[in-house]
Amino acid sequence: MPPVDPLLTSLSACWLVFATTAPTTYVVGATWLHRTRNGNEDPRPSQPGWGWGTGGGVRTLVFQALSLVTWLLGCAVAFPVVFSVQLDHADVTRELLAGAAAVGAVSAQLFQVSALLSFDAGAKPLRIWSGLQQGQVDVMWDVKKPFRGGAWFVATQALGWALFSAGLTLMLYLIAQGAAGVMEGARRYTWTAGAIMVTAQLVLASSLVFFQGPQRTMQLVRQISISLGEEARPRNLRQRLENVATIIILYIPMHVTSAAMAAYFFFLPPHIAVTLLIATLFVYYTVTSLGGAPEVSGRREWPAFQDWFGRQLEEVLPAWLGSLEVVREGASQPLDPEKRYVFGFAAHGLYPLGAGYLPVLPSFRRLLPGIRPVTLTASVVFVLPVLRDILAWLGLRVVTRRSFLRALRERGSVLLVPGGQAELVHTHRIFTAREYCVYRSHKGFVRVAQQAQASLVPLLVLGEIDSLRNLISAPAMLQWTYKRLGFPVPYLIVGRWGLTPFPQPTGLRFIIGEPIPPVELGPGEEPTQEQVDTVHAAFYDAMQALWHKHAPSFPGYDDVKFVLVDK
């Protein structure tokens, strides 16, 4: 069997992936965007709108038609090429056809996204068609009014169509050259044409964000706002992009990293993929570790990123989670920044994000002026690229005795989750038995706090552990793998909309308790086991008291029991 050209294989794989996304996007639009009754917006889904492509306004119809045409053309070109990759020798002509098929599939998906963005729920199909026949429908790009929609919209439309025209001209030229048998340099020009066409579609799709019509905001954005429980209000593009970036940073860095690693094996032969992946990771870990391990020293901490991220979280999280509160017991007595504190965070959910971002929230900083705790977390999270960088910028460090004591010396306070992953494996009980489980067998954090003469501060979080759940519920296997591997398996967190990593709107409340002072020790004196046990018991008694005071008033927690787990 002749060897297979890796470029041809990659182009064929690209077509196979994107050829399924346009129909999938259409189905999503059919089941989600078709939400109107008598032309009025209604956040509740109505009957499945499998014919939503016949409505939504003329702009939507045009984009739907372009999507269908480019998808069909891509399939027509791809079938004789993609499914015969290993039947004969892969020459430049077949690469050109495979590239055209891939560009067609990508363009179809981008046109389909454009159709979703321009969807107008108030437009009725019968009026549209009759209006077209009578010449009464005013289309956004009507040649009689070519400069509607605002300066930015016009500029991006002009740029997008200019790129599209350039790419189309180059592709037609390549097809003519291929028909004439002149294929010199075709591979290079094929990649150029493809890049221009994809860029053109991205620019055209993004132009819809700038469109300023009578409603001045897109139907899709309004429906997303309604579905998230957020009041629909106009926002500028920068705010929308920052909010989207915040959610991406918060919930999907692991998914982005996994997808990037999988791409090596999807587009390249296995031996080349392994070699490139190892080389890439070697360079990445070397560069990000220069000057000392950031997970111990915190040297990559980025205050400007923390300030921006904290502000964005306080704007975005109430929309995603329903509410966000930071409450402090005894707020009339501020904590002394000159003393040391160990914040004990409970409970450790499947993805305890709150422990990482709580110290950068403006509301936390207002309640505890001068207190900037360093969050300590498991070392495994610093192994994953991208997530490793985000945690380093936020100032997180590994939860080891060395980093624990160093952070207390340098910053005066730390925040950690005492229950750790032993507490994580009990998260499922909030769904099955309505039990909020806090694991209290670990006592090492109490001993270190006593040695450093730091006060323990109980910190209870409500709403986080039930905002996400494990897709595969296997409690016995979680326990077994945690004890033998040190990490629970299976571990696939999902939340909103069934299979996404975004949280359910459960609400979120952080309650900061009163500090429990350490037992005074003399110079060089070590705490006794009895002293450790006494402070340990006082800490969990305070945590339980916070629960009984605040949980009954938290939505959905009136029937949840607080359970202290010892094993």
Protein backbone atom coordinates (compact mmCIF):
# COMPACT_ATOMS: atom_id res chain seq x y z
CA MET A 1 0.00 0.00 0.00
CA PRO A 2 1.49 3.38 -0.97
CA PRO A 3 2.25 5.84 1.84
CA VAL A 4 -0.41 8.33 2.84
CA ASP A 5 0.41 12.04 2.64
CA PRO A 6 0.06 13.54 6.17
CA LEU A 7 -1.25 16.81 4.70
CA LEU A 8 -3.97 15.00 2.80
CA THR A 9 -4.88 13.03 5.91
CA SER A 10 -5.08 16.22 7.98
CA LEU A 11 -7.28 17.98 5.43
CA SER A 12 -9.56 14.96 5.23
CA ALA A 13 -9.81 14.83 9.03
CA CYS A 14 -10.63 18.54 9.10
CA TRP A 15 -13.48 17.96 6.67
CA LEU A 16 -14.79 15.00 8.67
CA VAL A 17 -14.91 17.10 11.85
CA PHE A 18 -16.45 20.27 10.44
CA ALA A 19 -18.85 18.47 8.09
CA THR A 20 -20.75 17.34 11.21
CA THR A 21 -20.69 20.68 13.06
CA ALA A 22 -22.93 22.62 10.65
CA PRO A 23 -25.84 20.11 10.92
CA THR A 24 -25.27 19.90 14.68
CA THR A 25 -25.41 23.68 14.97
CA TYR A 26 -28.61 23.68 12.94
CA VAL A 27 -30.20 21.17 15.34
CA VAL A 28 -29.11 23.26 18.33
CA GLY A 29 -30.74 26.27 16.73
CA ALA A 30 -33.87 24.25 16.03
CA THR A 31 -34.28 23.18 19.64
CA TRP A 32 -33.11 26.36 21.37
CA LEU A 33 -33.62 29.51 19.33
CA HIS A 34 -37.16 28.74 18.21
CA ARG A 35 -38.69 30.26 21.35
CA THR A 36 -41.44 32.60 20.25
CA ARG A 37 -45.16 32.57 20.74
CA ASN A 38 -47.16 35.07 18.68
CA GLY A 39 -43.98 36.97 17.89
CA ASN A 40 -43.14 37.67 21.57
CA GLU A 41 -40.00 36.61 23.38
CA ASP A 42 -40.46 33.77 25.79
CA PRO A 43 -37.51 32.23 27.68
CA ARG A 44 -39.28 28.87 27.84
CA PRO A 45 -38.69 26.58 24.88
CA SER A 46 -41.73 25.91 22.74
CA GLN A 47 -42.24 22.98 20.40
CA PRO A 48 -39.10 21.68 18.64
CA GLY A 49 -38.50 24.15 15.81
CA TRP A 50 -37.07 21.84 13.18
CA GLY A 51 -38.06 24.38 10.56
CA TRP A 52 -36.46 27.37 12.26
CA GLY A 53 -34.39 27.93 9.13
CA THR A 54 -37.54 29.17 7.36
CA GLY A 55 -37.91 31.98 9.89
CA GLY A 56 -35.74 34.40 11.80
CA GLY A 57 -35.52 37.14 9.21
CA VAL A 58 -34.00 37.53 5.76
CA ARG A 59 -30.46 37.75 7.07
CA THR A 60 -30.85 34.38 8.75
CA LEU A 61 -32.30 32.87 5.58
CA VAL A 62 -29.38 34.12 3.49
CA PHE A 63 -26.80 32.74 5.91
CA GLN A 64 -28.69 29.44 6.09
CA ALA A 65 -28.68 29.20 2.31
CA LEU A 66 -24.96 29.97 2.10
CA SER A 67 -24.28 27.37 4.80
CA LEU A 68 -26.27 24.72 2.96
CA VAL A 69 -24.65 25.46 -0.42
CA THR A 70 -21.08 25.46 0.90
CA TRP A 71 -21.75 22.31 2.93
CA LEU A 72 -23.16 20.45 -0.08
CA LEU A 73 -20.30 21.61 -2.31
CA GLY A 74 -17.76 20.54 0.29
CA CYS A 75 -19.37 17.11 0.59
CA ALA A 76 -19.54 16.73 -3.20
CA VAL A 77 -15.82 17.45 -3.50
CA ALA A 78 -14.86 15.43 -0.43
CA PHE A 79 -16.57 12.10 -1.06
CA PRO A 80 -14.42 10.96 -3.99
CA VAL A 81 -11.29 12.17 -2.18
CA VAL A 82 -11.67 11.54 1.54
CA PHE A 83 -12.93 7.97 1.27
CA SER A 84 -10.14 6.91 -1.08
CA VAL A 85 -7.19 8.28 0.88
CA GLN A 86 -5.51 4.87 1.07
CA LEU A 87 -6.59 3.48 -2.30
CA ASP A 88 -4.02 5.16 -4.52
CA HIS A 89 -1.15 7.60 -4.38
CA ALA A 90 -2.00 11.02 -2.91
CA ASP A 91 -0.97 13.68 -5.42
CA VAL A 92 -1.21 17.46 -5.37
CA THR A 93 -4.52 17.49 -7.24
CA ARG A 94 -6.18 15.43 -4.53
CA GLU A 95 -4.67 17.68 -1.87
CA LEU A 96 -6.24 20.65 -3.62
CA LEU A 97 -9.65 18.97 -3.67
CA ALA A 98 -9.34 17.89 -0.03
CA GLY A 99 -8.40 21.44 0.93
CA ALA A 100 -11.40 22.82 -0.93
CA ALA A 101 -13.66 20.35 0.88
CA ALA A 102 -12.22 21.35 4.26
CA VAL A 103 -12.66 25.05 3.51
CA GLY A 104 -16.24 24.37 2.42
CA ALA A 105 -17.03 22.55 5.67
CA VAL A 106 -15.49 25.27 7.83
CA SER A 107 -17.30 27.98 5.85
CA ALA A 108 -20.60 26.13 6.25
CA GLN A 109 -20.17 26.10 10.00
CA LEU A 110 -19.26 29.79 10.13
CA PHE A 111 -22.28 30.69 7.97
CA GLN A 112 -24.43 28.61 10.32
CA VAL A 113 -23.09 30.53 13.34
CA SER A 114 -23.78 33.78 11.50
CA ALA A 115 -27.36 32.59 10.98
CA LEU A 116 -27.74 32.00 14.73
CA LEU A 117 -26.32 35.42 15.58
CA SER A 118 -28.66 37.20 13.18
CA PHE A 119 -31.78 35.24 14.19
CA ASP A 120 -34.81 37.46 14.78
CA ALA A 121 -37.50 35.64 16.76
CA GLY A 122 -40.07 38.29 15.91
CA ALA A 123 -39.84 37.76 12.16
CA LYS A 124 -42.60 35.57 10.75
CA PRO A 125 -41.92 33.31 7.76
CA LEU A 126 -45.13 34.14 5.85
CA ARG A 127 -44.48 37.87 6.09
CA ILE A 128 -40.91 37.39 4.97
CA TRP A 129 -41.79 35.41 1.87
CA SER A 130 -44.71 37.63 0.89
CA GLY A 131 -42.57 40.69 1.52
CA LEU A 132 -39.85 39.36 -0.72
CA GLN A 133 -42.35 38.71 -3.47
CA GLN A 134 -43.75 42.22 -3.16
CA GLY A 135 -40.36 43.87 -2.72
CA GLN A 136 -41.24 45.23 0.73
CA VAL A 137 -38.61 43.55 2.91
CA ASP A 138 -35.74 45.75 4.07
CA VAL A 139 -32.56 43.64 4.18
CA MET A 140 -29.56 44.65 6.25
CA TRP A 141 -27.26 44.78 3.24
CA ASP A 142 -29.79 46.35 0.86
CA VAL A 143 -27.83 48.03 -1.97
CA LYS A 144 -30.06 51.08 -1.63
CA LYS A 145 -28.77 51.58 1.92
CA PRO A 146 -25.28 50.05 1.94
CA PHE A 147 -23.98 51.90 5.00
CA ARG A 148 -26.53 50.90 7.61
CA GLY A 149 -25.53 49.35 10.94
CA GLY A 150 -22.86 51.73 12.19
CA ALA A 151 -19.28 52.50 11.21
CA TRP A 152 -17.74 49.41 12.82
CA PHE A 153 -20.29 47.12 11.20
CA VAL A 154 -19.70 48.64 7.76
CA ALA A 155 -15.92 48.45 8.16
CA THR A 156 -15.88 44.80 9.25
CA GLN A 157 -18.38 43.86 6.53
CA ALA A 158 -16.19 45.55 3.90
CA LEU A 159 -13.08 43.81 5.18
CA GLY A 160 -14.81 40.43 5.36
CA TRP A 161 -16.22 40.58 1.84
CA ALA A 162 -12.91 41.85 0.47
CA LEU A 163 -11.12 38.86 2.01
CA PHE A 164 -13.84 36.52 0.79
CA SER A 165 -13.51 37.87 -2.76
CA ALA A 166 -9.73 37.53 -2.66
CA GLY A 167 -9.92 33.95 -1.41
CA LEU A 168 -12.57 33.02 -3.94
CA THR A 169 -10.52 34.53 -6.78
CA LEU A 170 -7.44 32.58 -5.69
CA MET A 171 -9.41 29.33 -5.41
CA LEU A 172 -10.91 29.81 -8.90
CA TYR A 173 -7.43 30.49 -10.24
CA LEU A 174 -6.12 27.28 -8.64
CA ILE A 175 -9.00 25.26 -10.07
CA ALA A 176 -8.30 26.70 -13.53
CA GLN A 177 -4.60 25.91 -13.17
CA GLY A 178 -5.41 22.38 -12.09
CA ALA A 179 -7.69 21.89 -15.06
CA ALA A 180 -4.86 23.07 -17.32
CA GLY A 181 -2.42 20.66 -15.67
CA VAL A 182 -0.25 23.39 -14.17
CA MET A 183 0.11 22.57 -10.45
CA GLU A 184 3.44 24.15 -9.52
CA GLY A 185 3.21 25.70 -6.06
CA ALA A 186 -0.39 24.54 -5.65
CA ARG A 187 0.12 23.31 -2.10
CA ARG A 188 1.36 26.68 -0.89
CA TYR A 189 -1.42 28.58 -2.63
CA THR A 190 -4.04 26.13 -1.36
CA TRP A 191 -3.12 26.84 2.24
CA THR A 192 -3.14 30.60 1.53
CA ALA A 193 -6.58 30.47 -0.10
CA GLY A 194 -7.97 28.39 2.76
CA ALA A 195 -6.60 30.76 5.39
CA ILE A 196 -8.06 33.79 3.59
CA MET A 197 -11.49 32.17 3.25
CA VAL A 198 -11.68 31.13 6.90
CA THR A 199 -10.52 34.57 8.04
CA ALA A 200 -13.16 36.18 5.84
CA GLN A 201 -15.92 34.12 7.44
CA LEU A 202 -14.70 34.92 10.94
CA VAL A 203 -14.66 38.64 10.15
CA LEU A 204 -18.14 38.52 8.62
CA ALA A 205 -19.55 36.58 11.58
CA SER A 206 -17.96 38.97 14.07
CA SER A 207 -19.37 41.98 12.20
CA LEU A 208 -22.84 41.08 13.46
CA VAL A 209 -21.71 41.96 16.96
CA PHE A 210 -21.27 45.57 15.84
CA PHE A 211 -24.59 45.88 14.01
CA GLN A 212 -26.69 48.74 15.37
CA GLY A 213 -30.27 48.22 14.32
CA PRO A 214 -33.48 49.43 15.95
CA GLN A 215 -33.06 46.90 18.79
CA ARG A 216 -29.31 47.61 19.11
CA THR A 217 -28.58 44.22 20.55
CA MET A 218 -28.61 40.75 19.11
CA GLN A 219 -31.49 38.37 19.69
CA LEU A 220 -29.07 35.63 20.66
CA VAL A 221 -27.42 37.76 23.35
CA ARG A 222 -30.83 38.60 24.82
CA GLN A 223 -31.85 34.97 24.90
CA ILE A 224 -28.58 33.92 26.54
CA SER A 225 -29.06 36.66 29.15
CA ILE A 226 -32.61 35.48 29.83
CA SER A 227 -31.54 31.83 30.11
CA LEU A 228 -28.84 32.82 32.62
CA GLY A 229 -31.31 34.81 34.71
CA GLU A 230 -29.51 38.05 33.85
CA GLU A 231 -31.42 41.16 32.90
CA ALA A 232 -30.89 41.89 29.21
CA ARG A 233 -29.05 45.17 28.92
CA PRO A 234 -26.82 46.69 26.22
CA ARG A 235 -23.10 46.13 26.69
CA ASN A 236 -20.15 47.16 24.63
CA LEU A 237 -18.10 44.57 22.80
CA ARG A 238 -15.16 44.76 25.19
CA GLN A 239 -17.34 43.93 28.21
CA ARG A 240 -18.90 40.97 26.44
CA LEU A 241 -15.53 39.61 25.38
CA GLU A 242 -14.10 40.04 28.89
CA ASN A 243 -17.07 38.21 30.41
CA VAL A 244 -16.69 35.34 27.96
CA ALA A 245 -12.94 35.19 28.62
CA THR A 246 -13.60 35.03 32.37
CA ILE A 247 -15.89 32.02 32.04
CA ILE A 248 -13.42 30.28 29.72
CA ILE A 249 -10.55 30.89 32.15
CA LEU A 250 -12.63 29.67 35.06
CA TYR A 251 -14.26 26.51 33.75
CA ILE A 252 -12.60 25.09 30.64
CA PRO A 253 -8.78 25.37 30.79
CA MET A 254 -8.51 21.59 31.32
CA HIS A 255 -10.73 20.96 28.31
CA VAL A 256 -8.70 23.32 26.11
CA THR A 257 -5.46 21.61 27.16
CA SER A 258 -6.87 18.13 26.57
CA ALA A 259 -8.18 19.12 23.15
CA ALA A 260 -4.82 20.64 22.17
CA MET A 261 -2.98 17.47 23.17
CA ALA A 262 -5.48 15.28 21.35
CA ALA A 263 -5.01 17.40 18.22
CA TYR A 264 -1.43 16.14 17.95
CA PHE A 265 -2.68 12.58 17.51
CA PHE A 266 -5.67 13.54 15.40
CA PHE A 267 -3.71 15.33 12.68
CA LEU A 268 -0.31 13.61 12.88
CA PRO A 269 0.99 10.03 12.79
CA PRO A 270 1.39 8.62 16.33
CA HIS A 271 5.21 8.54 16.38
CA ILE A 272 5.45 12.15 15.21
CA ALA A 273 2.67 13.25 17.58
CA VAL A 274 4.41 11.72 20.60
CA THR A 275 7.74 13.29 19.68
CA LEU A 276 6.30 16.76 19.16
CA LEU A 277 4.15 16.57 22.31
CA ILE A 278 7.11 15.58 24.50
CA ALA A 279 9.28 18.28 22.96
CA THR A 280 6.56 20.92 23.41
CA LEU A 281 5.92 20.00 27.04
CA PHE A 282 9.65 19.89 27.81
CA VAL A 283 10.11 23.44 26.52
CA TYR A 284 6.91 24.61 28.24
CA TYR A 285 7.79 23.26 31.70
CA THR A 286 11.37 24.50 31.40
CA VAL A 287 10.32 28.03 30.52
CA THR A 288 7.57 28.23 33.15
CA SER A 289 9.91 26.95 35.86
CA LEU A 290 12.82 29.30 35.22
CA GLY A 291 13.94 31.07 38.37
CA GLY A 292 12.46 28.48 40.73
CA ALA A 293 9.27 26.47 41.05
CA PRO A 294 6.37 28.98 40.98
CA GLU A 295 4.12 26.48 42.76
CA VAL A 296 6.32 26.87 45.84
CA SER A 297 7.69 30.40 45.56
CA GLY A 298 4.70 32.14 43.96
CA ARG A 299 7.14 34.10 41.80
CA ARG A 300 4.75 34.23 38.78
CA GLU A 301 2.00 35.94 40.75
CA TRP A 302 0.42 38.69 38.64
CA PRO A 303 -1.38 41.39 40.71
CA ALA A 304 -2.85 43.18 37.66
CA PHE A 305 -4.41 39.91 36.43
CA GLN A 306 -5.80 39.24 39.93
CA ASP A 307 -7.44 42.68 40.12
CA TRP A 308 -8.99 42.31 36.64
CA PHE A 309 -10.10 38.74 37.25
CA GLY A 310 -11.67 39.58 40.61
CA ARG A 311 -13.67 42.46 39.15
CA GLN A 312 -14.87 40.31 36.26
CA LEU A 313 -15.91 37.47 38.57
CA GLU A 314 -18.11 39.73 40.67
CA GLU A 315 -19.86 40.82 37.47
CA VAL A 316 -20.15 37.43 35.74
CA LEU A 317 -20.73 34.92 38.55
CA PRO A 318 -24.11 36.32 39.71
CA ALA A 319 -25.38 35.85 36.14
CA TRP A 320 -24.08 32.28 35.89
CA LEU A 321 -24.76 31.10 39.42
CA GLY A 322 -27.82 33.17 40.32
CA SER A 323 -26.16 34.98 43.23
CA LEU A 324 -22.78 35.70 44.81
CA GLU A 325 -22.32 36.70 48.44
CA VAL A 326 -19.32 37.02 50.75
CA VAL A 327 -20.42 37.22 54.39
CA ARG A 328 -18.28 37.65 57.48
CA GLU A 329 -19.21 36.87 61.06
CA GLY A 330 -18.17 39.56 63.53
CA ALA A 331 -17.58 42.10 60.75
CA SER A 332 -17.49 44.93 63.30
CA GLN A 333 -14.07 43.72 64.47
CA PRO A 334 -11.57 43.79 61.56
CA LEU A 335 -8.84 41.17 61.48
CA ASP A 336 -5.41 42.43 62.45
CA PRO A 337 -3.19 42.30 59.32
CA GLU A 338 -0.16 41.96 61.58
CA LYS A 339 -1.30 38.54 62.82
CA ARG A 340 -1.28 35.21 61.00
CA TYR A 341 -4.36 33.35 59.78
CA VAL A 342 -5.13 29.96 58.25
CA PHE A 343 -8.48 29.93 56.43
CA GLY A 344 -10.02 26.45 56.35
CA PHE A 345 -12.33 26.13 53.33
CA ALA A 346 -15.17 23.58 53.29
CA ALA A 347 -16.38 21.71 51.45
CA HIS A 348 -14.08 20.40 48.72
CA GLY A 349 -16.40 19.95 45.75
CA LEU A 350 -15.60 18.26 42.47
CA TYR A 351 -14.01 21.49 41.28
CA PRO A 352 -13.40 23.83 44.28
CA LEU A 353 -12.82 26.98 42.27
CA GLY A 354 -13.96 29.26 45.07
CA ALA A 355 -10.88 28.48 47.12
CA GLY A 356 -8.74 29.79 44.27
CA TYR A 357 -10.54 32.98 43.34
CA LEU A 358 -12.12 34.05 46.66
CA PRO A 359 -9.02 36.03 47.83
CA VAL A 360 -9.10 38.20 44.68
CA LEU A 361 -12.80 39.14 44.92
CA PRO A 362 -13.24 42.84 45.73
CA SER A 363 -15.96 41.95 48.27
CA PHE A 364 -13.53 39.68 50.16
CA ARG A 365 -10.89 42.38 50.19
CA ARG A 366 -13.37 44.96 51.48
CA LEU A 367 -14.39 42.70 54.36
CA LEU A 368 -10.79 41.79 55.24
CA PRO A 369 -8.63 44.83 54.46
CA GLY A 370 -4.94 44.07 54.42
CA ILE A 371 -5.49 40.29 54.38
CA ARG A 372 -4.22 38.57 51.21
CA PRO A 373 -4.20 34.81 51.83
CA VAL A 374 -2.26 32.48 49.56
CA THR A 375 -4.41 29.57 48.42
CA LEU A 376 -2.73 26.16 48.77
CA THR A 377 -3.85 23.40 46.43
CA ALA A 378 -2.94 19.88 45.31
CA SER A 379 0.24 19.58 43.26
CA VAL A 380 -1.52 17.66 40.48
CA VAL A 381 -3.26 20.80 39.19
CA PHE A 382 0.12 22.40 38.50
CA VAL A 383 0.93 19.62 36.04
CA LEU A 384 -1.70 20.66 33.48
CA PRO A 385 -0.57 23.31 30.98
CA VAL A 386 -2.70 26.48 30.78
CA LEU A 387 -4.31 25.70 34.16
CA ARG A 388 -0.80 25.80 35.63
CA ASP A 389 -0.31 29.34 34.28
CA ILE A 390 -3.68 30.61 35.50
CA LEU A 391 -3.06 29.27 39.00
CA ALA A 392 0.43 30.79 39.04
CA TRP A 393 -0.92 34.20 38.02
CA LEU A 394 -3.51 34.00 40.80
CA GLY A 395 -0.72 33.24 43.28
CA LEU A 396 -1.75 29.68 44.21
CA ARG A 397 0.88 27.31 45.62
CA VAL A 398 1.11 23.60 46.39
CA VAL A 399 -0.13 22.41 49.76
CA THR A 400 3.12 21.15 51.28
CA ARG A 401 4.59 21.91 54.67
CA ARG A 402 7.37 23.90 53.04
CA SER A 403 5.09 26.15 50.97
CA PHE A 404 2.63 26.40 53.88
CA LEU A 405 5.23 27.87 56.25
CA ARG A 406 6.81 30.01 53.54
CA ALA A 407 3.47 31.58 52.61
CA LEU A 408 2.69 32.34 56.26
CA ARG A 409 6.07 34.03 56.65
CA GLU A 410 5.75 36.06 53.46
CA ARG A 411 2.04 36.94 53.40
CA GLY A 412 0.77 36.23 56.91
CA SER A 413 -2.20 34.09 55.83
CA VAL A 414 -3.08 31.04 53.75
CA LEU A 415 -6.28 29.44 52.52
CA LEU A 416 -6.62 25.68 52.10
CA VAL A 417 -9.24 22.94 51.92
CA PRO A 418 -8.57 20.69 54.96
CA GLY A 419 -10.75 17.85 53.69
CA GLY A 420 -8.85 17.54 50.41
CA GLN A 421 -9.76 14.85 47.91
CA ALA A 422 -10.97 12.62 50.73
CA GLU A 423 -13.82 15.11 51.02
CA LEU A 424 -14.29 15.23 47.25
CA VAL A 425 -15.38 11.59 47.05
CA HIS A 426 -18.35 12.36 49.31
CA THR A 427 -19.68 15.16 47.11
CA HIS A 428 -22.21 12.86 45.46
CA ARG A 429 -24.11 12.57 48.76
CA ILE A 430 -25.59 16.04 48.38
CA PHE A 431 -27.51 14.67 45.38
CA THR A 432 -28.33 11.18 46.64
CA ALA A 433 -28.87 11.63 50.39
CA ARG A 434 -29.08 15.44 50.69
CA GLU A 435 -26.01 15.43 52.93
CA TYR A 436 -23.31 18.09 53.00
CA CYS A 437 -20.23 16.11 54.02
CA VAL A 438 -17.17 17.67 55.63
CA TYR A 439 -14.16 15.38 56.18
CA ARG A 440 -12.46 16.15 59.51
CA SER A 441 -9.84 13.43 59.99
CA HIS A 442 -6.94 15.55 58.71
CA LYS A 443 -5.16 17.40 61.53
CA GLY A 444 -1.85 18.36 59.95
CA PHE A 445 -3.05 21.86 59.05
CA VAL A 446 -3.94 22.48 62.71
CA ARG A 447 -0.47 21.45 63.88
CA VAL A 448 1.28 23.69 61.33
CA ALA A 449 -1.00 26.60 62.28
CA GLN A 450 -0.14 26.10 65.95
CA GLN A 451 3.56 25.95 65.19
CA ALA A 452 3.30 29.23 63.24
CA GLN A 453 1.04 30.74 65.94
CA ALA A 454 -1.67 31.40 63.36
CA SER A 455 -5.38 31.64 64.09
CA LEU A 456 -7.73 29.20 62.34
CA VAL A 457 -10.60 30.82 60.43
CA PRO A 458 -13.51 28.56 59.37
CA LEU A 459 -14.76 29.35 55.87
CA LEU A 460 -17.97 27.68 54.74
CA VAL A 461 -19.16 27.79 51.10
CA LEU A 462 -22.75 27.06 50.12
CA GLY A 463 -23.84 26.23 46.58
CA GLU A 464 -20.52 25.22 45.07
CA ILE A 465 -20.50 21.47 45.64
CA ASP A 466 -23.88 20.96 43.96
CA SER A 467 -23.25 23.30 41.01
CA LEU A 468 -21.34 20.50 39.27
CA ARG A 469 -21.63 16.73 39.36
CA ASN A 470 -19.74 13.68 38.14
CA LEU A 471 -21.14 12.43 34.85
CA ILE A 472 -20.41 8.84 35.89
CA SER A 473 -21.65 8.31 39.44
CA ALA A 474 -19.62 5.44 40.90
CA PRO A 475 -18.98 6.23 44.60
CA ALA A 476 -17.39 2.85 45.40
CA MET A 477 -14.92 3.20 42.53
CA LEU A 478 -14.12 6.77 43.55
CA GLN A 479 -13.25 5.60 47.06
CA TRP A 480 -11.16 2.70 45.79
CA THR A 481 -9.17 4.72 43.24
CA TYR A 482 -8.61 7.57 45.68
CA LYS A 483 -7.12 5.23 48.31
CA ARG A 484 -4.87 3.39 45.83
CA LEU A 485 -4.07 6.03 43.21
CA GLY A 486 -4.38 9.22 45.24
CA PHE A 487 -6.94 10.59 42.78
CA PRO A 488 -10.58 9.64 42.26
CA VAL A 489 -11.59 7.94 38.99
CA PRO A 490 -13.89 8.32 37.07
CA TYR A 491 -13.74 12.10 37.17
CA LEU A 492 -15.79 13.86 34.48
CA ILE A 493 -17.54 16.95 35.80
CA VAL A 494 -20.64 18.34 34.11
CA GLY A 495 -23.22 20.94 35.02
CA ARG A 496 -25.50 23.21 33.05
CA TRP A 497 -27.22 21.86 29.92
CA GLY A 498 -26.38 18.25 30.76
CA LEU A 499 -22.89 17.74 29.39
CA THR A 500 -21.10 21.08 29.68
CA PRO A 501 -18.49 22.01 32.32
CA PHE A 502 -20.42 25.17 33.22
CA PRO A 503 -22.13 25.29 36.66
CA GLN A 504 -25.79 25.02 37.51
CA PRO A 505 -27.37 28.25 38.83
CA THR A 506 -27.37 27.11 42.45
CA GLY A 507 -26.33 30.42 43.99
CA LEU A 508 -23.08 30.93 45.87
CA ARG A 509 -22.35 32.16 49.40
CA PHE A 510 -19.02 32.31 51.22
CA ILE A 511 -19.28 32.63 55.03
CA ILE A 512 -16.14 33.66 56.91
CA GLY A 513 -16.24 32.74 60.60
CA GLU A 514 -14.55 34.19 63.64
CA PRO A 515 -10.84 33.35 64.05
CA ILE A 516 -9.90 30.67 66.59
CA PRO A 517 -6.70 31.84 68.30
CA PRO A 518 -3.78 29.43 68.66
CA VAL A 519 -2.61 27.91 71.91
CA GLU A 520 0.27 30.08 73.08
CA LEU A 521 3.65 28.31 72.87
CA GLY A 522 7.02 29.23 74.23
CA PRO A 523 10.15 29.67 72.07
CA GLY A 524 10.97 26.35 70.38
CA GLU A 525 7.99 24.63 72.01
CA GLU A 526 5.90 22.19 69.95
CA PRO A 527 2.14 21.80 70.38
CA THR A 528 1.03 18.63 72.12
CA GLN A 529 -1.42 16.21 70.55
CA GLU A 530 -4.02 17.23 73.12
CA GLN A 531 -3.67 20.89 72.16
CA VAL A 532 -3.97 20.01 68.47
CA ASP A 533 -7.10 17.94 69.16
CA THR A 534 -8.67 20.78 71.17
CA VAL A 535 -8.16 23.40 68.45
CA HIS A 536 -9.19 20.88 65.78
CA ALA A 537 -12.49 20.20 67.56
CA ALA A 538 -13.12 23.92 68.07
CA PHE A 539 -12.57 24.54 64.37
CA TYR A 540 -15.17 21.98 63.23
CA ASP A 541 -17.61 23.04 65.94
CA ALA A 542 -17.37 26.58 64.53
CA MET A 543 -17.89 25.24 60.99
CA GLN A 544 -21.00 23.38 62.11
CA ALA A 545 -22.32 26.50 63.85
CA LEU A 546 -21.88 28.49 60.61
CA TRP A 547 -23.90 25.84 58.79
CA HIS A 548 -26.82 25.91 61.22
CA LYS A 549 -26.92 29.71 61.11
CA HIS A 550 -26.71 30.24 57.35
CA ALA A 551 -27.78 27.06 55.51
CA PRO A 552 -31.52 27.30 56.34
CA SER A 553 -31.72 30.67 54.57
CA PHE A 554 -29.78 29.50 51.50
CA PRO A 555 -32.03 28.49 48.54
CA GLY A 556 -32.45 24.73 48.25
CA TYR A 557 -30.59 23.84 51.46
CA ASP A 558 -33.53 23.66 53.86
CA ASP A 559 -33.53 19.83 53.68
CA VAL A 560 -29.75 19.29 53.51
CA LYS A 561 -28.02 17.77 56.56
CA PHE A 562 -24.54 18.72 57.75
CA VAL A 563 -22.42 15.57 58.23
CA LEU A 564 -18.91 15.34 59.69
CA VAL A 565 -17.09 12.39 58.13
CA ASP A 566 -14.25 10.71 60.03
CA LYS A 567 -13.22 8.06 57.50
